[in-house]
Amino acid sequence: MRFLLTILFIASLASCKKCYDCTKKCGVCQNGPLVVAGCTGDEALNGFSVDSWKVLLESQGYSCQYDNVEEEACGKDEKENKEKAYFECVSN
């Protein structure tokens, strides 16, 4: 009986999908009444990362802060889809 329970326990672990914590870098910058926002991969950033966009805008007098999007992805396919959408995923 104990052997059967061990087999069932191992089988249940194998069927679980591994989950990942995924983060997409985003930011908001403000200069007086002007507010701009974007995320890495956005067309509005013209292919630049939010990090380089932040540095550029701060050099023009904007005050910027990160406003990242965090989501969970479970399973290899979902993780790959998130990474295609510019998320960085790590095991949780």
PDB file of N, CA and C in Angstrom:
ATOM      1  N   MET A   1       0.825  -1.196   0.000  1.00  0.00           N
ATOM      2  CA  MET A   1       0.000   0.000   0.000  1.00  0.00           C
ATOM      3  C   MET A   1       0.875   1.268   0.000  1.00  0.00           C
ATOM      4  N   ARG A   2       1.918   1.267   0.806  1.00  0.00           N
ATOM      5  CA  ARG A   2       2.804   2.425   0.871  1.00  0.00           C
ATOM      6  C   ARG A   2       3.476   2.650  -0.482  1.00  0.00           C
ATOM      7  N   PHE A   3       3.862   1.579  -1.164  1.00  0.00           N
ATOM      8  CA  PHE A   3       4.485   1.671  -2.483  1.00  0.00           C
ATOM      9  C   PHE A   3       3.529   2.325  -3.470  1.00  0.00           C
ATOM     10  N   LEU A   4       2.269   1.935  -3.440  1.00  0.00           N
ATOM     11  CA  LEU A   4       1.263   2.500  -4.341  1.00  0.00           C
ATOM     12  C   LEU A   4       1.072   3.992  -4.074  1.00  0.00           C
ATOM     13  N   LEU A   5       1.045   4.395  -2.809  1.00  0.00           N
ATOM     14  CA  LEU A   5       0.903   5.808  -2.480  1.00  0.00           C
ATOM     15  C   LEU A   5       2.113   6.607  -2.948  1.00  0.00           C
ATOM     16  N   THR A   6       3.292   6.032  -2.844  1.00  0.00           N
ATOM     17  CA  THR A   6       4.506   6.699  -3.312  1.00  0.00           C
ATOM     18  C   THR A   6       4.446   6.910  -4.818  1.00  0.00           C
ATOM     19  N   ILE A   7       4.013   5.881  -5.551  1.00  0.00           N
ATOM     20  CA  ILE A   7       3.880   5.988  -7.011  1.00  0.00           C
ATOM     21  C   ILE A   7       2.864   7.068  -7.372  1.00  0.00           C
ATOM     22  N   LEU A   8       1.740   7.120  -6.686  1.00  0.00           N
ATOM     23  CA  LEU A   8       0.711   8.125  -6.971  1.00  0.00           C
ATOM     24  C   LEU A   8       1.224   9.535  -6.660  1.00  0.00           C
ATOM     25  N   PHE A   9       1.978   9.666  -5.582  1.00  0.00           N
ATOM     26  CA  PHE A   9       2.542  10.967  -5.224  1.00  0.00           C
ATOM     27  C   PHE A   9       3.524  11.447  -6.287  1.00  0.00           C
ATOM     28  N   ILE A  10       4.407  10.589  -6.731  1.00  0.00           N
ATOM     29  CA  ILE A  10       5.390  10.939  -7.761  1.00  0.00           C
ATOM     30  C   ILE A  10       4.683  11.284  -9.073  1.00  0.00           C
ATOM     31  N   ALA A  11       3.662  10.518  -9.415  1.00  0.00           N
ATOM     32  CA  ALA A  11       2.913  10.787 -10.648  1.00  0.00           C
ATOM     33  C   ALA A  11       2.204  12.135 -10.570  1.00  0.00           C
ATOM     34  N   SER A  12       1.693  12.493  -9.396  1.00  0.00           N
ATOM     35  CA  SER A  12       1.014  13.786  -9.266  1.00  0.00           C
ATOM     36  C   SER A  12       2.001  14.938  -9.397  1.00  0.00           C
ATOM     37  N   LEU A  13       3.229  14.769  -8.904  1.00  0.00           N
ATOM     38  CA  LEU A  13       4.242  15.811  -9.057  1.00  0.00           C
ATOM     39  C   LEU A  13       4.646  15.988 -10.507  1.00  0.00           C
ATOM     40  N   ALA A  14       4.742  14.911 -11.240  1.00  0.00           N
ATOM     41  CA  ALA A  14       5.149  14.972 -12.643  1.00  0.00           C
ATOM     42  C   ALA A  14       4.105  15.662 -13.502  1.00  0.00           C
ATOM     43  N   SER A  15       2.848  15.595 -13.094  1.00  0.00           N
ATOM     44  CA  SER A  15       1.790  16.190 -13.905  1.00  0.00           C
ATOM     45  C   SER A  15       1.627  17.686 -13.641  1.00  0.00           C
ATOM     46  N   CYS A  16       2.242  18.217 -12.580  1.00  0.00           N
ATOM     47  CA  CYS A  16       2.141  19.637 -12.261  1.00  0.00           C
ATOM     48  C   CYS A  16       2.983  20.455 -13.246  1.00  0.00           C
ATOM     49  N   LYS A  17       2.431  21.580 -13.659  1.00  0.00           N
ATOM     50  CA  LYS A  17       3.180  22.476 -14.528  1.00  0.00           C
ATOM     51  C   LYS A  17       4.040  23.390 -13.672  1.00  0.00           C
ATOM     52  N   LYS A  18       5.260  23.614 -14.117  1.00  0.00           N
ATOM     53  CA  LYS A  18       6.157  24.543 -13.434  1.00  0.00           C
ATOM     54  C   LYS A  18       5.687  25.958 -13.736  1.00  0.00           C
ATOM     55  N   CYS A  19       5.669  26.794 -12.705  1.00  0.00           N
ATOM     56  CA  CYS A  19       5.222  28.170 -12.886  1.00  0.00           C
ATOM     57  C   CYS A  19       6.394  29.140 -12.749  1.00  0.00           C
ATOM     58  N   TYR A  20       6.245  30.298 -13.382  1.00  0.00           N
ATOM     59  CA  TYR A  20       7.289  31.318 -13.438  1.00  0.00           C
ATOM     60  C   TYR A  20       6.693  32.674 -13.086  1.00  0.00           C
ATOM     61  N   ASP A  21       7.497  33.512 -12.438  1.00  0.00           N
ATOM     62  CA  ASP A  21       7.138  34.901 -12.211  1.00  0.00           C
ATOM     63  C   ASP A  21       7.686  35.694 -13.397  1.00  0.00           C
ATOM     64  N   CYS A  22       6.810  36.412 -14.080  1.00  0.00           N
ATOM     65  CA  CYS A  22       7.210  37.137 -15.290  1.00  0.00           C
ATOM     66  C   CYS A  22       7.009  38.642 -15.082  1.00  0.00           C
ATOM     67  N   THR A  23       7.997  39.414 -15.545  1.00  0.00           N
ATOM     68  CA  THR A  23       7.969  40.868 -15.395  1.00  0.00           C
ATOM     69  C   THR A  23       8.224  41.523 -16.747  1.00  0.00           C
ATOM     70  N   LYS A  24       7.379  42.470 -17.075  1.00  0.00           N
ATOM     71  CA  LYS A  24       7.573  43.286 -18.272  1.00  0.00           C
ATOM     72  C   LYS A  24       7.927  44.688 -17.798  1.00  0.00           C
ATOM     73  N   LYS A  25       9.100  45.181 -18.215  1.00  0.00           N
ATOM     74  CA  LYS A  25       9.552  46.497 -17.776  1.00  0.00           C
ATOM     75  C   LYS A  25       8.724  47.599 -18.449  1.00  0.00           C
ATOM     76  N   CYS A  26       8.140  48.441 -17.606  1.00  0.00           N
ATOM     77  CA  CYS A  26       7.347  49.569 -18.071  1.00  0.00           C
ATOM     78  C   CYS A  26       7.738  50.796 -17.259  1.00  0.00           C
ATOM     79  N   GLY A  27       7.423  51.965 -17.783  1.00  0.00           N
ATOM     80  CA  GLY A  27       7.741  53.194 -17.074  1.00  0.00           C
ATOM     81  C   GLY A  27       6.778  54.309 -17.402  1.00  0.00           C
ATOM     82  N   VAL A  28       6.756  55.278 -16.499  1.00  0.00           N
ATOM     83  CA  VAL A  28       5.951  56.482 -16.663  1.00  0.00           C
ATOM     84  C   VAL A  28       6.877  57.664 -16.436  1.00  0.00           C
ATOM     85  N   CYS A  29       6.839  58.630 -17.367  1.00  0.00           N
ATOM     86  CA  CYS A  29       7.676  59.822 -17.250  1.00  0.00           C
ATOM     87  C   CYS A  29       6.792  61.059 -17.331  1.00  0.00           C
ATOM     88  N   GLN A  30       7.158  62.071 -16.530  1.00  0.00           N
ATOM     89  CA  GLN A  30       6.365  63.295 -16.488  1.00  0.00           C
ATOM     90  C   GLN A  30       7.282  64.499 -16.502  1.00  0.00           C
ATOM     91  N   ASN A  31       6.869  65.498 -17.276  1.00  0.00           N
ATOM     92  CA  ASN A  31       7.561  66.787 -17.323  1.00  0.00           C
ATOM     93  C   ASN A  31       6.467  67.847 -17.307  1.00  0.00           C
ATOM     94  N   GLY A  32       6.177  68.366 -16.112  1.00  0.00           N
ATOM     95  CA  GLY A  32       5.050  69.296 -15.973  1.00  0.00           C
ATOM     96  C   GLY A  32       3.759  68.561 -16.301  1.00  0.00           C
ATOM     97  N   PRO A  33       2.949  69.124 -17.186  1.00  0.00           N
ATOM     98  CA  PRO A  33       1.685  68.462 -17.530  1.00  0.00           C
ATOM     99  C   PRO A  33       1.848  67.309 -18.535  1.00  0.00           C
ATOM    100  N   LEU A  34       3.028  67.179 -19.129  1.00  0.00           N
ATOM    101  CA  LEU A  34       3.253  66.123 -20.119  1.00  0.00           C
ATOM    102  C   LEU A  34       3.554  64.801 -19.427  1.00  0.00           C
ATOM    103  N   VAL A  35       2.798  63.765 -19.764  1.00  0.00           N
ATOM    104  CA  VAL A  35       3.000  62.431 -19.202  1.00  0.00           C
ATOM    105  C   VAL A  35       3.111  61.447 -20.365  1.00  0.00           C
ATOM    106  N   VAL A  36       4.170  60.648 -20.346  1.00  0.00           N
ATOM    107  CA  VAL A  36       4.339  59.601 -21.345  1.00  0.00           C
ATOM    108  C   VAL A  36       4.591  58.282 -20.615  1.00  0.00           C
ATOM    109  N   ALA A  37       4.116  57.216 -21.201  1.00  0.00           N
ATOM    110  CA  ALA A  37       4.281  55.900 -20.587  1.00  0.00           C
ATOM    111  C   ALA A  37       4.516  54.875 -21.674  1.00  0.00           C
ATOM    112  N   GLY A  38       5.213  53.820 -21.322  1.00  0.00           N
ATOM    113  CA  GLY A  38       5.463  52.755 -22.290  1.00  0.00           C
ATOM    114  C   GLY A  38       6.133  51.564 -21.631  1.00  0.00           C
ATOM    115  N   CYS A  39       6.173  50.487 -22.381  1.00  0.00           N
ATOM    116  CA  CYS A  39       6.801  49.242 -21.925  1.00  0.00           C
ATOM    117  C   CYS A  39       7.783  48.760 -22.978  1.00  0.00           C
ATOM    118  N   THR A  40       8.785  48.015 -22.542  1.00  0.00           N
ATOM    119  CA  THR A  40       9.723  47.425 -23.489  1.00  0.00           C
ATOM    120  C   THR A  40       8.935  46.626 -24.517  1.00  0.00           C
ATOM    121  N   GLY A  41       9.231  46.844 -25.775  1.00  0.00           N
ATOM    122  CA  GLY A  41       8.528  46.161 -26.855  1.00  0.00           C
ATOM    123  C   GLY A  41       7.417  46.973 -27.475  1.00  0.00           C
ATOM    124  N   ASP A  42       7.012  48.081 -26.829  1.00  0.00           N
ATOM    125  CA  ASP A  42       5.958  48.924 -27.393  1.00  0.00           C
ATOM    126  C   ASP A  42       6.450  49.603 -28.661  1.00  0.00           C
ATOM    127  N   GLU A  43       5.583  49.704 -29.625  1.00  0.00           N
ATOM    128  CA  GLU A  43       5.919  50.374 -30.884  1.00  0.00           C
ATOM    129  C   GLU A  43       6.281  51.841 -30.640  1.00  0.00           C
ATOM    130  N   ALA A  44       5.661  52.461 -29.639  1.00  0.00           N
ATOM    131  CA  ALA A  44       5.919  53.867 -29.332  1.00  0.00           C
ATOM    132  C   ALA A  44       7.365  54.111 -28.910  1.00  0.00           C
ATOM    133  N   LEU A  45       8.056  53.072 -28.438  1.00  0.00           N
ATOM    134  CA  LEU A  45       9.451  53.225 -28.019  1.00  0.00           C
ATOM    135  C   LEU A  45      10.419  52.994 -29.172  1.00  0.00           C
ATOM    136  N   ASN A  46       9.905  52.739 -30.359  1.00  0.00           N
ATOM    137  CA  ASN A  46      10.722  52.551 -31.561  1.00  0.00           C
ATOM    138  C   ASN A  46      11.803  51.486 -31.393  1.00  0.00           C
ATOM    139  N   GLY A  47      11.477  50.399 -30.715  1.00  0.00           N
ATOM    140  CA  GLY A  47      12.420  49.296 -30.558  1.00  0.00           C
ATOM    141  C   GLY A  47      13.397  49.450 -29.405  1.00  0.00           C
ATOM    142  N   PHE A  48      13.342  50.577 -28.701  1.00  0.00           N
ATOM    143  CA  PHE A  48      14.233  50.784 -27.561  1.00  0.00           C
ATOM    144  C   PHE A  48      13.662  50.119 -26.318  1.00  0.00           C
ATOM    145  N   SER A  49      14.535  49.804 -25.384  1.00  0.00           N
ATOM    146  CA  SER A  49      14.080  49.263 -24.108  1.00  0.00           C
ATOM    147  C   SER A  49      13.546  50.406 -23.256  1.00  0.00           C
ATOM    148  N   VAL A  50      12.750  50.067 -22.264  1.00  0.00           N
ATOM    149  CA  VAL A  50      12.229  51.104 -21.374  1.00  0.00           C
ATOM    150  C   VAL A  50      13.377  51.749 -20.593  1.00  0.00           C
ATOM    151  N   ASP A  51      14.461  51.014 -20.371  1.00  0.00           N
ATOM    152  CA  ASP A  51      15.615  51.582 -19.672  1.00  0.00           C
ATOM    153  C   ASP A  51      16.252  52.718 -20.469  1.00  0.00           C
ATOM    154  N   SER A  52      16.500  52.495 -21.759  1.00  0.00           N
ATOM    155  CA  SER A  52      17.121  53.539 -22.580  1.00  0.00           C
ATOM    156  C   SER A  52      16.153  54.699 -22.812  1.00  0.00           C
ATOM    157  N   TRP A  53      14.882  54.400 -22.924  1.00  0.00           N
ATOM    158  CA  TRP A  53      13.847  55.422 -23.083  1.00  0.00           C
ATOM    159  C   TRP A  53      13.821  56.314 -21.846  1.00  0.00           C
ATOM    160  N   LYS A  54      13.924  55.708 -20.655  1.00  0.00           N
ATOM    161  CA  LYS A  54      13.934  56.436 -19.389  1.00  0.00           C
ATOM    162  C   LYS A  54      15.148  57.382 -19.325  1.00  0.00           C
ATOM    163  N   VAL A  55      16.325  56.882 -19.692  1.00  0.00           N
ATOM    164  CA  VAL A  55      17.541  57.705 -19.673  1.00  0.00           C
ATOM    165  C   VAL A  55      17.390  58.893 -20.626  1.00  0.00           C
ATOM    166  N   LEU A  56      16.876  58.650 -21.817  1.00  0.00           N
ATOM    167  CA  LEU A  56      16.693  59.723 -22.797  1.00  0.00           C
ATOM    168  C   LEU A  56      15.743  60.792 -22.270  1.00  0.00           C
ATOM    169  N   LEU A  57      14.595  60.385 -21.754  1.00  0.00           N
ATOM    170  CA  LEU A  57      13.613  61.365 -21.284  1.00  0.00           C
ATOM    171  C   LEU A  57      14.107  62.116 -20.048  1.00  0.00           C
ATOM    172  N   GLU A  58      14.818  61.440 -19.162  1.00  0.00           N
ATOM    173  CA  GLU A  58      15.350  62.133 -17.991  1.00  0.00           C
ATOM    174  C   GLU A  58      16.379  63.188 -18.407  1.00  0.00           C
ATOM    175  N   SER A  59      17.115  62.933 -19.483  1.00  0.00           N
ATOM    176  CA  SER A  59      18.079  63.928 -19.975  1.00  0.00           C
ATOM    177  C   SER A  59      17.368  65.142 -20.571  1.00  0.00           C
ATOM    178  N   GLN A  60      16.074  64.994 -20.872  1.00  0.00           N
ATOM    179  CA  GLN A  60      15.276  66.096 -21.419  1.00  0.00           C
ATOM    180  C   GLN A  60      14.400  66.747 -20.348  1.00  0.00           C
ATOM    181  N   GLY A  61      14.678  66.437 -19.062  1.00  0.00           N
ATOM    182  CA  GLY A  61      13.967  67.097 -17.974  1.00  0.00           C
ATOM    183  C   GLY A  61      12.774  66.341 -17.410  1.00  0.00           C
ATOM    184  N   TYR A  62      12.495  65.159 -17.904  1.00  0.00           N
ATOM    185  CA  TYR A  62      11.382  64.369 -17.385  1.00  0.00           C
ATOM    186  C   TYR A  62      11.787  63.693 -16.080  1.00  0.00           C
ATOM    187  N   SER A  63      10.812  63.448 -15.244  1.00  0.00           N
ATOM    188  CA  SER A  63      10.989  62.650 -14.040  1.00  0.00           C
ATOM    189  C   SER A  63      10.326  61.302 -14.320  1.00  0.00           C
ATOM    190  N   CYS A  64      11.107  60.212 -14.221  1.00  0.00           N
ATOM    191  CA  CYS A  64      10.599  58.898 -14.623  1.00  0.00           C
ATOM    192  C   CYS A  64      10.632  57.895 -13.470  1.00  0.00           C
ATOM    193  N   GLN A  65       9.720  56.966 -13.532  1.00  0.00           N
ATOM    194  CA  GLN A  65       9.720  55.856 -12.587  1.00  0.00           C
ATOM    195  C   GLN A  65       9.232  54.601 -13.293  1.00  0.00           C
ATOM    196  N   TYR A  66       9.700  53.467 -12.802  1.00  0.00           N
ATOM    197  CA  TYR A  66       9.263  52.195 -13.373  1.00  0.00           C
ATOM    198  C   TYR A  66       7.857  51.872 -12.891  1.00  0.00           C
ATOM    199  N   ASP A  67       7.092  51.243 -13.739  1.00  0.00           N
ATOM    200  CA  ASP A  67       5.732  50.807 -13.432  1.00  0.00           C
ATOM    201  C   ASP A  67       5.546  49.438 -14.094  1.00  0.00           C
ATOM    202  N   ASN A  68       6.336  48.470 -13.641  1.00  0.00           N
ATOM    203  CA  ASN A  68       6.392  47.157 -14.283  1.00  0.00           C
ATOM    204  C   ASN A  68       5.083  46.380 -14.167  1.00  0.00           C
ATOM    205  N   VAL A  69       4.855  45.512 -15.142  1.00  0.00           N
ATOM    206  CA  VAL A  69       3.719  44.606 -15.145  1.00  0.00           C
ATOM    207  C   VAL A  69       4.236  43.244 -14.708  1.00  0.00           C
ATOM    208  N   GLU A  70       3.587  42.651 -13.707  1.00  0.00           N
ATOM    209  CA  GLU A  70       4.008  41.342 -13.219  1.00  0.00           C
ATOM    210  C   GLU A  70       2.868  40.346 -13.397  1.00  0.00           C
ATOM    211  N   GLU A  71       3.189  39.209 -13.988  1.00  0.00           N
ATOM    212  CA  GLU A  71       2.216  38.150 -14.230  1.00  0.00           C
ATOM    213  C   GLU A  71       2.877  36.801 -14.008  1.00  0.00           C
ATOM    214  N   GLU A  72       2.059  35.784 -13.820  1.00  0.00           N
ATOM    215  CA  GLU A  72       2.583  34.433 -13.652  1.00  0.00           C
ATOM    216  C   GLU A  72       2.311  33.635 -14.914  1.00  0.00           C
ATOM    217  N   ALA A  73       3.239  32.780 -15.265  1.00  0.00           N
ATOM    218  CA  ALA A  73       3.081  31.883 -16.412  1.00  0.00           C
ATOM    219  C   ALA A  73       3.325  30.460 -15.915  1.00  0.00           C
ATOM    220  N   CYS A  74       2.409  29.556 -16.231  1.00  0.00           N
ATOM    221  CA  CYS A  74       2.565  28.161 -15.832  1.00  0.00           C
ATOM    222  C   CYS A  74       2.687  27.292 -17.077  1.00  0.00           C
ATOM    223  N   GLY A  75       3.747  26.530 -17.131  1.00  0.00           N
ATOM    224  CA  GLY A  75       4.003  25.664 -18.270  1.00  0.00           C
ATOM    225  C   GLY A  75       4.951  26.316 -19.259  1.00  0.00           C
ATOM    226  N   LYS A  76       5.624  25.475 -20.003  1.00  0.00           N
ATOM    227  CA  LYS A  76       6.647  25.947 -20.952  1.00  0.00           C
ATOM    228  C   LYS A  76       6.054  26.828 -22.049  1.00  0.00           C
ATOM    229  N   ASP A  77       4.913  26.431 -22.595  1.00  0.00           N
ATOM    230  CA  ASP A  77       4.311  27.205 -23.687  1.00  0.00           C
ATOM    231  C   ASP A  77       3.899  28.605 -23.239  1.00  0.00           C
ATOM    232  N   GLU A  78       3.274  28.679 -22.067  1.00  0.00           N
ATOM    233  CA  GLU A  78       2.845  29.984 -21.567  1.00  0.00           C
ATOM    234  C   GLU A  78       4.054  30.872 -21.269  1.00  0.00           C
ATOM    235  N   LYS A  79       5.114  30.283 -20.715  1.00  0.00           N
ATOM    236  CA  LYS A  79       6.351  31.033 -20.444  1.00  0.00           C
ATOM    237  C   LYS A  79       6.931  31.576 -21.751  1.00  0.00           C
ATOM    238  N   GLU A  80       6.997  30.741 -22.776  1.00  0.00           N
ATOM    239  CA  GLU A  80       7.537  31.170 -24.067  1.00  0.00           C
ATOM    240  C   GLU A  80       6.689  32.284 -24.671  1.00  0.00           C
ATOM    241  N   ASN A  81       5.366  32.204 -24.537  1.00  0.00           N
ATOM    242  CA  ASN A  81       4.492  33.257 -25.062  1.00  0.00           C
ATOM    243  C   ASN A  81       4.722  34.581 -24.334  1.00  0.00           C
ATOM    244  N   LYS A  82       4.911  34.519 -23.034  1.00  0.00           N
ATOM    245  CA  LYS A  82       5.194  35.735 -22.267  1.00  0.00           C
ATOM    246  C   LYS A  82       6.529  36.344 -22.717  1.00  0.00           C
ATOM    247  N   GLU A  83       7.540  35.498 -22.903  1.00  0.00           N
ATOM    248  CA  GLU A  83       8.848  36.003 -23.315  1.00  0.00           C
ATOM    249  C   GLU A  83       8.804  36.609 -24.716  1.00  0.00           C
ATOM    250  N   LYS A  84       7.950  36.100 -25.580  1.00  0.00           N
ATOM    251  CA  LYS A  84       7.773  36.704 -26.908  1.00  0.00           C
ATOM    252  C   LYS A  84       7.138  38.084 -26.801  1.00  0.00           C
ATOM    253  N   ALA A  85       6.403  38.297 -25.704  1.00  0.00           N
ATOM    254  CA  ALA A  85       5.741  39.592 -25.467  1.00  0.00           C
ATOM    255  C   ALA A  85       6.610  40.475 -24.562  1.00  0.00           C
ATOM    256  N   TYR A  86       7.919  40.223 -24.546  1.00  0.00           N
ATOM    257  CA  TYR A  86       8.906  41.043 -23.841  1.00  0.00           C
ATOM    258  C   TYR A  86       8.864  40.936 -22.318  1.00  0.00           C
ATOM    259  N   PHE A  87       8.329  39.850 -21.801  1.00  0.00           N
ATOM    260  CA  PHE A  87       8.401  39.589 -20.369  1.00  0.00           C
ATOM    261  C   PHE A  87       9.694  38.831 -20.077  1.00  0.00           C
ATOM    262  N   GLU A  88      10.254  39.051 -18.896  1.00  0.00           N
ATOM    263  CA  GLU A  88      11.375  38.271 -18.402  1.00  0.00           C
ATOM    264  C   GLU A  88      10.826  37.342 -17.331  1.00  0.00           C
ATOM    265  N   CYS A  89      11.013  36.029 -17.490  1.00  0.00           N
ATOM    266  CA  CYS A  89      10.427  35.054 -16.582  1.00  0.00           C
ATOM    267  C   CYS A  89      11.496  34.296 -15.810  1.00  0.00           C
ATOM    268  N   VAL A  90      11.259  34.138 -14.516  1.00  0.00           N
ATOM    269  CA  VAL A  90      12.152  33.373 -13.648  1.00  0.00           C
ATOM    270  C   VAL A  90      11.314  32.391 -12.839  1.00  0.00           C
ATOM    271  N   SER A  91      11.940  31.276 -12.450  1.00  0.00           N
ATOM    272  CA  SER A  91      11.259  30.276 -11.637  1.00  0.00           C
ATOM    273  C   SER A  91      10.826  30.895 -10.324  1.00  0.00           C
ATOM    274  N   ASN A  92       9.661  30.482  -9.869  1.00  0.00           N
ATOM    275  CA  ASN A  92       9.228  30.991  -8.564  1.00  0.00           C
ATOM    276  C   ASN A  92       9.302  29.916  -7.520  1.00  0.00           C
TER     277      ASN A  92
END
